[in-house]
Amino acid sequence: MTGSLTNRVFRAAKLDTHLYEEVESDKTATLQAMLVVILSGIAAGIGSISISKESIIYGAFFAVLGWFLWATLIYFIGTKLLPKPQTKTNFKALLRAIGFSCSPGLIRVFDILPEAEKIVFPVAELWILVAMVVAVKQVLNYKGIVHSAIVCLISYLAMKATCLLISSICFNHLIVLPKPT
């Protein structure tokens, strides 16, 4: 690994464009990217532990699901539906960059504090989205940030809707199961 995980997390959170180019080309960074996603999901789970004791497991599960789904949507939208002439990448490179763009999600652990719960989550979500825009711009070789923002926003909405649907199906199914008599 060419960069330490901690260093890369801070650089990603600071929206360092060079970091996203670095992890795009570093094939060994895929596990680091997955770890960032899992830790971000765990942080979200810890932040919402008052809602559910299982929130840490759900947070990690939905973080990984959202990461893979968001990367797939961005890849399809960014390279097939709305590509620019200079757009070129491979899925794994995009997956790594998107994983690191989840670094700001680590602050969601502070959602556990009652006075912070209304501000931390929305700030983290917005920060992740901005980091995603920077990562996508770099990895898909877009010249402008607007095109990257459009691709990210469309894919973000589709990813959130899909995760909400999956969550609804899972939780509704668990809730409506008849109890054994």
N, C-alpha and C. Protein backbone atom coordinates (compact mmCIF):
# COMPACT_ATOMS: atom_id res chain seq x y z
N MET A 1 0.85 -1.17 0.00
CA MET A 1 0.00 0.00 0.00
C MET A 1 0.90 1.23 0.00
N THR A 2 0.57 2.14 -0.89
CA THR A 2 1.44 3.31 -1.00
C THR A 2 1.10 4.40 0.01
N GLY A 3 -0.07 4.40 0.56
CA GLY A 3 -0.45 5.43 1.51
C GLY A 3 -1.09 4.83 2.73
N SER A 4 -0.83 5.42 3.88
CA SER A 4 -1.47 4.91 5.09
C SER A 4 -2.96 5.23 5.04
N LEU A 5 -3.72 4.37 5.65
CA LEU A 5 -5.17 4.55 5.66
C LEU A 5 -5.55 5.88 6.32
N THR A 6 -4.96 6.18 7.45
CA THR A 6 -5.29 7.42 8.16
C THR A 6 -4.99 8.64 7.30
N ASN A 7 -3.83 8.65 6.68
CA ASN A 7 -3.45 9.75 5.80
C ASN A 7 -4.45 9.91 4.66
N ARG A 8 -4.82 8.81 4.07
CA ARG A 8 -5.75 8.84 2.94
C ARG A 8 -7.15 9.30 3.37
N VAL A 9 -7.58 8.87 4.53
CA VAL A 9 -8.90 9.28 5.03
C VAL A 9 -8.94 10.80 5.21
N PHE A 10 -7.91 11.35 5.84
CA PHE A 10 -7.88 12.80 6.04
C PHE A 10 -7.78 13.56 4.72
N ARG A 11 -6.98 13.05 3.80
CA ARG A 11 -6.86 13.71 2.49
C ARG A 11 -8.17 13.65 1.72
N ALA A 12 -8.87 12.53 1.80
CA ALA A 12 -10.17 12.40 1.13
C ALA A 12 -11.18 13.38 1.73
N ALA A 13 -11.20 13.46 3.04
CA ALA A 13 -12.12 14.38 3.72
C ALA A 13 -11.80 15.84 3.39
N LYS A 14 -10.51 16.14 3.13
CA LYS A 14 -10.11 17.50 2.76
C LYS A 14 -10.32 17.77 1.26
N LEU A 15 -10.92 16.79 0.57
CA LEU A 15 -11.24 16.90 -0.87
C LEU A 15 -9.98 17.06 -1.72
N ASP A 16 -8.93 16.38 -1.33
CA ASP A 16 -7.65 16.39 -2.04
C ASP A 16 -7.80 15.62 -3.36
N THR A 17 -7.78 16.34 -4.48
CA THR A 17 -7.96 15.72 -5.79
C THR A 17 -6.86 14.71 -6.09
N HIS A 18 -5.66 14.96 -5.59
CA HIS A 18 -4.54 14.05 -5.85
C HIS A 18 -4.77 12.69 -5.17
N LEU A 19 -5.46 12.71 -4.02
CA LEU A 19 -5.76 11.46 -3.33
C LEU A 19 -6.61 10.57 -4.23
N TYR A 20 -7.63 11.15 -4.86
CA TYR A 20 -8.53 10.35 -5.68
C TYR A 20 -7.82 9.79 -6.91
N GLU A 21 -6.88 10.53 -7.47
CA GLU A 21 -6.07 10.01 -8.57
C GLU A 21 -5.14 8.91 -8.07
N GLU A 22 -4.63 9.08 -6.87
CA GLU A 22 -3.72 8.09 -6.27
C GLU A 22 -4.42 6.76 -6.07
N VAL A 23 -5.61 6.78 -5.45
CA VAL A 23 -6.31 5.51 -5.19
C VAL A 23 -6.91 4.93 -6.47
N GLU A 24 -7.16 5.78 -7.46
CA GLU A 24 -7.64 5.27 -8.75
C GLU A 24 -6.61 4.31 -9.34
N SER A 25 -5.33 4.67 -9.24
CA SER A 25 -4.28 3.85 -9.85
C SER A 25 -3.68 2.81 -8.90
N ASP A 26 -3.96 2.90 -7.61
CA ASP A 26 -3.41 1.95 -6.64
C ASP A 26 -4.36 0.77 -6.45
N LYS A 27 -4.07 -0.31 -7.15
CA LYS A 27 -4.95 -1.48 -7.10
C LYS A 27 -4.99 -2.14 -5.72
N THR A 28 -4.02 -1.83 -4.88
CA THR A 28 -4.01 -2.39 -3.52
C THR A 28 -4.91 -1.60 -2.57
N ALA A 29 -5.47 -0.49 -3.02
CA ALA A 29 -6.27 0.37 -2.14
C ALA A 29 -7.74 -0.06 -2.05
N THR A 30 -8.14 -1.10 -2.75
CA THR A 30 -9.54 -1.52 -2.72
C THR A 30 -9.97 -1.94 -1.32
N LEU A 31 -9.13 -2.71 -0.64
CA LEU A 31 -9.48 -3.12 0.73
C LEU A 31 -9.52 -1.93 1.68
N GLN A 32 -8.61 -0.97 1.49
CA GLN A 32 -8.65 0.24 2.30
C GLN A 32 -9.96 0.98 2.06
N ALA A 33 -10.36 1.09 0.80
CA ALA A 33 -11.61 1.79 0.48
C ALA A 33 -12.80 1.09 1.13
N MET A 34 -12.82 -0.24 1.09
CA MET A 34 -13.91 -0.98 1.71
C MET A 34 -13.90 -0.76 3.22
N LEU A 35 -12.73 -0.72 3.82
CA LEU A 35 -12.63 -0.48 5.26
C LEU A 35 -13.17 0.91 5.62
N VAL A 36 -12.88 1.91 4.80
CA VAL A 36 -13.41 3.25 5.03
C VAL A 36 -14.94 3.21 5.00
N VAL A 37 -15.49 2.52 4.03
CA VAL A 37 -16.96 2.42 3.91
C VAL A 37 -17.54 1.72 5.13
N ILE A 38 -16.95 0.62 5.54
CA ILE A 38 -17.45 -0.12 6.70
C ILE A 38 -17.35 0.72 7.97
N LEU A 39 -16.22 1.39 8.16
CA LEU A 39 -16.06 2.25 9.35
C LEU A 39 -17.04 3.41 9.33
N SER A 40 -17.30 3.96 8.16
CA SER A 40 -18.28 5.03 8.04
C SER A 40 -19.68 4.52 8.40
N GLY A 41 -19.99 3.32 7.96
CA GLY A 41 -21.28 2.71 8.31
C GLY A 41 -21.39 2.40 9.79
N ILE A 42 -20.31 1.92 10.36
CA ILE A 42 -20.30 1.65 11.81
C ILE A 42 -20.46 2.96 12.58
N ALA A 43 -19.79 4.01 12.12
CA ALA A 43 -19.93 5.32 12.77
C ALA A 43 -21.38 5.78 12.72
N ALA A 44 -22.03 5.58 11.59
CA ALA A 44 -23.45 5.94 11.48
C ALA A 44 -24.29 5.09 12.43
N GLY A 45 -23.94 3.81 12.53
CA GLY A 45 -24.66 2.93 13.44
C GLY A 45 -24.50 3.32 14.90
N ILE A 46 -23.28 3.67 15.27
CA ILE A 46 -23.03 4.14 16.64
C ILE A 46 -23.80 5.43 16.89
N GLY A 47 -23.80 6.30 15.91
CA GLY A 47 -24.52 7.57 16.04
C GLY A 47 -26.01 7.40 16.22
N SER A 48 -26.54 6.29 15.71
CA SER A 48 -27.99 6.08 15.83
C SER A 48 -28.32 4.90 16.75
N ILE A 49 -27.42 4.57 17.64
CA ILE A 49 -27.61 3.45 18.56
C ILE A 49 -28.85 3.63 19.44
N SER A 50 -29.24 4.87 19.70
CA SER A 50 -30.43 5.10 20.53
C SER A 50 -31.70 4.66 19.81
N ILE A 51 -31.66 4.58 18.50
CA ILE A 51 -32.83 4.14 17.72
C ILE A 51 -32.94 2.63 17.74
N SER A 52 -31.81 1.96 17.58
CA SER A 52 -31.82 0.50 17.51
C SER A 52 -30.46 -0.05 17.94
N LYS A 53 -30.49 -1.09 18.73
CA LYS A 53 -29.24 -1.71 19.17
C LYS A 53 -28.54 -2.41 18.00
N GLU A 54 -29.28 -2.79 16.98
CA GLU A 54 -28.71 -3.44 15.81
C GLU A 54 -28.21 -2.44 14.79
N SER A 55 -28.30 -1.15 15.08
CA SER A 55 -27.97 -0.13 14.09
C SER A 55 -26.52 -0.19 13.60
N ILE A 56 -25.62 -0.70 14.42
CA ILE A 56 -24.22 -0.81 13.99
C ILE A 56 -24.11 -1.83 12.86
N ILE A 57 -24.76 -2.97 13.01
CA ILE A 57 -24.75 -4.00 11.97
C ILE A 57 -25.45 -3.48 10.72
N TYR A 58 -26.63 -2.86 10.89
CA TYR A 58 -27.35 -2.32 9.74
C TYR A 58 -26.55 -1.20 9.07
N GLY A 59 -25.91 -0.38 9.88
CA GLY A 59 -25.11 0.72 9.33
C GLY A 59 -23.99 0.20 8.44
N ALA A 60 -23.28 -0.81 8.91
CA ALA A 60 -22.18 -1.39 8.12
C ALA A 60 -22.72 -2.08 6.86
N PHE A 61 -23.82 -2.83 7.02
CA PHE A 61 -24.40 -3.54 5.87
C PHE A 61 -24.85 -2.56 4.79
N PHE A 62 -25.63 -1.55 5.20
CA PHE A 62 -26.15 -0.61 4.21
C PHE A 62 -25.07 0.31 3.65
N ALA A 63 -24.00 0.53 4.41
CA ALA A 63 -22.88 1.31 3.88
C ALA A 63 -22.22 0.57 2.72
N VAL A 64 -21.96 -0.71 2.92
CA VAL A 64 -21.34 -1.51 1.85
C VAL A 64 -22.29 -1.66 0.67
N LEU A 65 -23.55 -1.93 0.95
CA LEU A 65 -24.54 -2.04 -0.12
C LEU A 65 -24.63 -0.73 -0.89
N GLY A 66 -24.72 0.39 -0.17
CA GLY A 66 -24.81 1.71 -0.81
C GLY A 66 -23.56 2.04 -1.62
N TRP A 67 -22.39 1.67 -1.10
CA TRP A 67 -21.12 1.90 -1.79
C TRP A 67 -21.11 1.20 -3.14
N PHE A 68 -21.41 -0.08 -3.11
CA PHE A 68 -21.38 -0.87 -4.34
C PHE A 68 -22.46 -0.39 -5.32
N LEU A 69 -23.65 -0.14 -4.80
CA LEU A 69 -24.75 0.32 -5.65
C LEU A 69 -24.45 1.70 -6.23
N TRP A 70 -23.95 2.61 -5.41
CA TRP A 70 -23.64 3.96 -5.88
C TRP A 70 -22.54 3.92 -6.94
N ALA A 71 -21.52 3.11 -6.70
CA ALA A 71 -20.44 2.97 -7.69
C ALA A 71 -20.96 2.41 -9.00
N THR A 72 -21.84 1.43 -8.91
CA THR A 72 -22.42 0.83 -10.12
C THR A 72 -23.23 1.87 -10.88
N LEU A 73 -24.05 2.62 -10.17
CA LEU A 73 -24.87 3.65 -10.82
C LEU A 73 -24.01 4.75 -11.43
N ILE A 74 -23.01 5.20 -10.71
CA ILE A 74 -22.12 6.23 -11.24
C ILE A 74 -21.37 5.72 -12.46
N TYR A 75 -20.92 4.49 -12.39
CA TYR A 75 -20.21 3.91 -13.53
C TYR A 75 -21.11 3.89 -14.76
N PHE A 76 -22.33 3.40 -14.59
CA PHE A 76 -23.26 3.30 -15.71
C PHE A 76 -23.66 4.69 -16.23
N ILE A 77 -24.06 5.56 -15.32
CA ILE A 77 -24.49 6.91 -15.73
C ILE A 77 -23.32 7.71 -16.28
N GLY A 78 -22.19 7.65 -15.59
CA GLY A 78 -21.04 8.47 -15.97
C GLY A 78 -20.28 8.01 -17.19
N THR A 79 -20.30 6.70 -17.46
CA THR A 79 -19.55 6.20 -18.61
C THR A 79 -20.42 5.77 -19.78
N LYS A 80 -21.69 5.51 -19.54
CA LYS A 80 -22.57 5.02 -20.61
C LYS A 80 -23.64 6.04 -21.01
N LEU A 81 -24.31 6.64 -20.03
CA LEU A 81 -25.40 7.57 -20.33
C LEU A 81 -24.92 9.00 -20.56
N LEU A 82 -24.01 9.48 -19.72
CA LEU A 82 -23.57 10.87 -19.79
C LEU A 82 -22.04 11.01 -19.87
N PRO A 83 -21.39 10.23 -20.72
CA PRO A 83 -19.93 10.34 -20.77
C PRO A 83 -19.48 11.60 -21.51
N LYS A 84 -18.29 12.01 -21.24
CA LYS A 84 -17.62 13.07 -21.99
C LYS A 84 -16.60 12.36 -22.89
N PRO A 85 -16.12 13.04 -23.93
CA PRO A 85 -15.16 12.38 -24.84
C PRO A 85 -13.92 11.82 -24.12
N GLN A 86 -13.46 12.47 -23.07
CA GLN A 86 -12.26 12.04 -22.36
C GLN A 86 -12.54 11.05 -21.23
N THR A 87 -13.82 10.66 -21.04
CA THR A 87 -14.19 9.76 -19.96
C THR A 87 -13.63 8.37 -20.19
N LYS A 88 -12.83 7.93 -19.22
CA LYS A 88 -12.34 6.56 -19.25
C LYS A 88 -11.98 6.15 -17.83
N THR A 89 -12.38 4.97 -17.47
CA THR A 89 -12.03 4.40 -16.17
C THR A 89 -12.42 2.95 -16.17
N ASN A 90 -12.13 2.28 -15.09
CA ASN A 90 -12.66 0.93 -14.90
C ASN A 90 -13.42 0.93 -13.57
N PHE A 91 -14.27 -0.06 -13.41
CA PHE A 91 -15.16 -0.09 -12.26
C PHE A 91 -14.39 -0.14 -10.94
N LYS A 92 -13.34 -0.94 -10.86
CA LYS A 92 -12.61 -1.06 -9.60
C LYS A 92 -11.94 0.25 -9.19
N ALA A 93 -11.42 0.99 -10.16
CA ALA A 93 -10.81 2.28 -9.86
C ALA A 93 -11.86 3.24 -9.30
N LEU A 94 -13.03 3.24 -9.91
CA LEU A 94 -14.13 4.09 -9.44
C LEU A 94 -14.57 3.65 -8.04
N LEU A 95 -14.65 2.36 -7.84
CA LEU A 95 -15.05 1.82 -6.54
C LEU A 95 -14.10 2.29 -5.42
N ARG A 96 -12.80 2.28 -5.72
CA ARG A 96 -11.82 2.74 -4.72
C ARG A 96 -12.02 4.22 -4.39
N ALA A 97 -12.14 5.04 -5.41
CA ALA A 97 -12.30 6.48 -5.18
C ALA A 97 -13.59 6.77 -4.42
N ILE A 98 -14.65 6.10 -4.78
CA ILE A 98 -15.93 6.32 -4.11
C ILE A 98 -15.87 5.85 -2.66
N GLY A 99 -15.15 4.76 -2.42
CA GLY A 99 -14.98 4.30 -1.05
C GLY A 99 -14.32 5.35 -0.17
N PHE A 100 -13.26 5.96 -0.69
CA PHE A 100 -12.58 7.00 0.08
C PHE A 100 -13.41 8.26 0.22
N SER A 101 -14.30 8.51 -0.71
CA SER A 101 -15.14 9.71 -0.58
C SER A 101 -16.15 9.57 0.57
N CYS A 102 -16.26 8.38 1.14
CA CYS A 102 -17.12 8.17 2.31
C CYS A 102 -16.41 8.56 3.61
N SER A 103 -15.16 8.97 3.52
CA SER A 103 -14.39 9.35 4.71
C SER A 103 -15.10 10.36 5.62
N PRO A 104 -15.75 11.40 5.07
CA PRO A 104 -16.43 12.34 5.97
C PRO A 104 -17.54 11.69 6.81
N GLY A 105 -18.00 10.53 6.40
CA GLY A 105 -19.04 9.83 7.16
C GLY A 105 -18.59 9.37 8.53
N LEU A 106 -17.30 9.37 8.75
CA LEU A 106 -16.78 8.96 10.06
C LEU A 106 -17.24 9.90 11.17
N ILE A 107 -17.56 11.14 10.84
CA ILE A 107 -18.03 12.09 11.87
C ILE A 107 -19.41 11.73 12.40
N ARG A 108 -20.11 10.82 11.70
CA ARG A 108 -21.46 10.44 12.15
C ARG A 108 -21.46 9.76 13.51
N VAL A 109 -20.30 9.32 13.97
CA VAL A 109 -20.21 8.75 15.30
C VAL A 109 -20.64 9.78 16.36
N PHE A 110 -20.43 11.06 16.06
CA PHE A 110 -20.80 12.13 17.00
C PHE A 110 -22.30 12.37 17.07
N ASP A 111 -23.05 11.69 16.21
CA ASP A 111 -24.51 11.77 16.25
C ASP A 111 -25.05 11.20 17.56
N ILE A 112 -24.24 10.44 18.26
CA ILE A 112 -24.65 9.86 19.53
C ILE A 112 -24.87 10.93 20.60
N LEU A 113 -24.22 12.08 20.42
CA LEU A 113 -24.37 13.19 21.37
C LEU A 113 -25.71 13.89 21.12
N PRO A 114 -26.55 14.00 22.15
CA PRO A 114 -27.88 14.58 21.95
C PRO A 114 -27.86 15.97 21.31
N GLU A 115 -26.92 16.79 21.67
CA GLU A 115 -26.89 18.15 21.12
C GLU A 115 -26.38 18.19 19.68
N ALA A 116 -25.81 17.09 19.20
CA ALA A 116 -25.24 17.07 17.85
C ALA A 116 -26.10 16.32 16.84
N GLU A 117 -27.08 15.58 17.34
CA GLU A 117 -27.79 14.65 16.47
C GLU A 117 -28.53 15.29 15.29
N LYS A 118 -28.94 16.50 15.40
CA LYS A 118 -29.69 17.13 14.31
C LYS A 118 -28.78 17.73 13.23
N ILE A 119 -27.52 17.93 13.54
CA ILE A 119 -26.62 18.60 12.59
C ILE A 119 -25.59 17.65 11.98
N VAL A 120 -25.09 16.69 12.73
CA VAL A 120 -23.98 15.86 12.26
C VAL A 120 -24.35 15.04 11.03
N PHE A 121 -25.47 14.34 11.06
CA PHE A 121 -25.83 13.47 9.95
C PHE A 121 -26.00 14.25 8.64
N PRO A 122 -26.78 15.33 8.63
CA PRO A 122 -26.91 16.08 7.37
C PRO A 122 -25.59 16.67 6.87
N VAL A 123 -24.76 17.12 7.79
CA VAL A 123 -23.44 17.66 7.40
C VAL A 123 -22.61 16.55 6.78
N ALA A 124 -22.61 15.38 7.41
CA ALA A 124 -21.84 14.25 6.88
C ALA A 124 -22.34 13.84 5.50
N GLU A 125 -23.65 13.77 5.32
CA GLU A 125 -24.21 13.39 4.02
C GLU A 125 -23.82 14.38 2.93
N LEU A 126 -23.91 15.65 3.24
CA LEU A 126 -23.54 16.67 2.26
C LEU A 126 -22.05 16.62 1.95
N TRP A 127 -21.25 16.46 2.97
CA TRP A 127 -19.80 16.39 2.81
C TRP A 127 -19.41 15.17 1.96
N ILE A 128 -20.06 14.03 2.20
CA ILE A 128 -19.82 12.83 1.40
C ILE A 128 -20.18 13.09 -0.06
N LEU A 129 -21.32 13.73 -0.27
CA LEU A 129 -21.75 14.02 -1.65
C LEU A 129 -20.75 14.94 -2.35
N VAL A 130 -20.26 15.95 -1.66
CA VAL A 130 -19.26 16.86 -2.24
C VAL A 130 -17.96 16.08 -2.53
N ALA A 131 -17.54 15.24 -1.60
CA ALA A 131 -16.34 14.42 -1.83
C ALA A 131 -16.54 13.49 -3.03
N MET A 132 -17.74 12.97 -3.15
CA MET A 132 -18.07 12.10 -4.27
C MET A 132 -17.95 12.85 -5.59
N VAL A 133 -18.43 14.07 -5.62
CA VAL A 133 -18.35 14.89 -6.84
C VAL A 133 -16.88 15.10 -7.23
N VAL A 134 -16.04 15.39 -6.25
CA VAL A 134 -14.61 15.58 -6.51
C VAL A 134 -14.00 14.27 -7.01
N ALA A 135 -14.31 13.16 -6.36
CA ALA A 135 -13.76 11.87 -6.75
C ALA A 135 -14.18 11.49 -8.17
N VAL A 136 -15.45 11.67 -8.48
CA VAL A 136 -15.97 11.30 -9.80
C VAL A 136 -15.35 12.18 -10.88
N LYS A 137 -15.20 13.45 -10.59
CA LYS A 137 -14.57 14.36 -11.56
C LYS A 137 -13.17 13.86 -11.91
N GLN A 138 -12.42 13.47 -10.89
CA GLN A 138 -11.05 13.02 -11.12
C GLN A 138 -11.01 11.68 -11.85
N VAL A 139 -11.78 10.72 -11.37
CA VAL A 139 -11.69 9.36 -11.90
C VAL A 139 -12.30 9.25 -13.30
N LEU A 140 -13.38 9.98 -13.56
CA LEU A 140 -14.00 9.91 -14.89
C LEU A 140 -13.41 10.95 -15.84
N ASN A 141 -12.42 11.68 -15.36
CA ASN A 141 -11.69 12.65 -16.20
C ASN A 141 -12.59 13.74 -16.77
N TYR A 142 -13.54 14.19 -15.97
CA TYR A 142 -14.38 15.30 -16.40
C TYR A 142 -13.60 16.59 -16.24
N LYS A 143 -13.81 17.51 -17.15
CA LYS A 143 -13.12 18.81 -17.06
C LYS A 143 -13.80 19.75 -16.08
N GLY A 144 -15.13 19.63 -15.97
CA GLY A 144 -15.88 20.52 -15.09
C GLY A 144 -16.55 19.79 -13.95
N ILE A 145 -16.76 20.51 -12.89
CA ILE A 145 -17.37 19.95 -11.68
C ILE A 145 -18.89 19.79 -11.84
N VAL A 146 -19.50 20.61 -12.70
CA VAL A 146 -20.96 20.57 -12.87
C VAL A 146 -21.40 19.21 -13.41
N HIS A 147 -20.71 18.72 -14.42
CA HIS A 147 -21.08 17.43 -15.00
C HIS A 147 -20.95 16.32 -13.96
N SER A 148 -19.88 16.37 -13.18
CA SER A 148 -19.68 15.40 -12.12
C SER A 148 -20.81 15.50 -11.09
N ALA A 149 -21.19 16.70 -10.73
CA ALA A 149 -22.27 16.91 -9.75
C ALA A 149 -23.59 16.33 -10.26
N ILE A 150 -23.87 16.50 -11.54
CA ILE A 150 -25.11 15.96 -12.13
C ILE A 150 -25.10 14.44 -12.06
N VAL A 151 -24.00 13.82 -12.45
CA VAL A 151 -23.88 12.36 -12.41
C VAL A 151 -24.03 11.87 -10.97
N CYS A 152 -23.38 12.53 -10.03
CA CYS A 152 -23.45 12.12 -8.63
C CYS A 152 -24.84 12.30 -8.04
N LEU A 153 -25.49 13.40 -8.35
CA LEU A 153 -26.82 13.66 -7.81
C LEU A 153 -27.84 12.65 -8.34
N ILE A 154 -27.82 12.39 -9.63
CA ILE A 154 -28.75 11.41 -10.21
C ILE A 154 -28.51 10.04 -9.57
N SER A 155 -27.26 9.63 -9.49
CA SER A 155 -26.96 8.31 -8.93
C SER A 155 -27.24 8.26 -7.43
N TYR A 156 -27.01 9.38 -6.73
CA TYR A 156 -27.29 9.44 -5.29
C TYR A 156 -28.79 9.22 -5.02
N LEU A 157 -29.61 9.90 -5.77
CA LEU A 157 -31.06 9.76 -5.58
C LEU A 157 -31.52 8.34 -5.90
N ALA A 158 -30.97 7.77 -6.97
CA ALA A 158 -31.33 6.39 -7.33
C ALA A 158 -30.84 5.40 -6.28
N MET A 159 -29.64 5.61 -5.76
CA MET A 159 -29.09 4.74 -4.73
C MET A 159 -29.90 4.84 -3.44
N LYS A 160 -30.24 6.04 -3.02
CA LYS A 160 -31.02 6.22 -1.79
C LYS A 160 -32.40 5.58 -1.92
N ALA A 161 -33.03 5.76 -3.07
CA ALA A 161 -34.35 5.16 -3.30
C ALA A 161 -34.27 3.63 -3.26
N THR A 162 -33.24 3.08 -3.86
CA THR A 162 -33.07 1.62 -3.87
C THR A 162 -32.79 1.10 -2.46
N CYS A 163 -31.91 1.76 -1.73
CA CYS A 163 -31.62 1.34 -0.35
C CYS A 163 -32.86 1.47 0.53
N LEU A 164 -33.63 2.52 0.33
CA LEU A 164 -34.87 2.69 1.09
C LEU A 164 -35.85 1.56 0.79
N LEU A 165 -35.95 1.20 -0.48
CA LEU A 165 -36.83 0.10 -0.87
C LEU A 165 -36.37 -1.21 -0.25
N ILE A 166 -35.08 -1.50 -0.32
CA ILE A 166 -34.55 -2.72 0.26
C ILE A 166 -34.77 -2.73 1.77
N SER A 167 -34.49 -1.61 2.42
CA SER A 167 -34.69 -1.49 3.86
C SER A 167 -36.15 -1.70 4.22
N SER A 168 -37.03 -1.08 3.47
CA SER A 168 -38.47 -1.20 3.72
C SER A 168 -38.93 -2.65 3.58
N ILE A 169 -38.45 -3.30 2.55
CA ILE A 169 -38.84 -4.70 2.34
C ILE A 169 -38.31 -5.56 3.48
N CYS A 170 -37.06 -5.38 3.84
CA CYS A 170 -36.45 -6.18 4.92
C CYS A 170 -37.15 -5.94 6.25
N PHE A 171 -37.31 -4.67 6.62
CA PHE A 171 -37.88 -4.37 7.92
C PHE A 171 -39.37 -4.66 7.99
N ASN A 172 -40.10 -4.39 6.93
CA ASN A 172 -41.53 -4.70 6.92
C ASN A 172 -41.74 -6.20 6.97
N HIS A 173 -40.90 -6.93 6.29
CA HIS A 173 -41.01 -8.38 6.31
C HIS A 173 -40.75 -8.91 7.72
N LEU A 174 -39.76 -8.34 8.39
CA LEU A 174 -39.45 -8.77 9.74
C LEU A 174 -40.56 -8.39 10.71
N ILE A 175 -41.17 -7.25 10.48
CA ILE A 175 -42.21 -6.76 11.39
C ILE A 175 -43.51 -7.54 11.23
N VAL A 176 -43.87 -7.90 10.00
CA VAL A 176 -45.18 -8.52 9.77
C VAL A 176 -45.16 -10.04 9.90
N LEU A 177 -44.01 -10.60 10.20
CA LEU A 177 -43.99 -12.06 10.37
C LEU A 177 -44.84 -12.43 11.59
N PRO A 178 -45.70 -13.43 11.41
CA PRO A 178 -46.52 -13.85 12.56
C PRO A 178 -45.63 -14.50 13.62
N LYS A 179 -45.97 -14.24 14.87
CA LYS A 179 -45.21 -14.83 15.96
C LYS A 179 -45.70 -16.25 16.19
N PRO A 180 -44.75 -17.16 16.44
CA PRO A 180 -45.17 -18.55 16.68
C PRO A 180 -46.03 -18.63 17.94
N THR A 181 -46.99 -19.50 17.87
CA THR A 181 -47.88 -19.67 19.03
C THR A 181 -47.58 -20.92 19.80
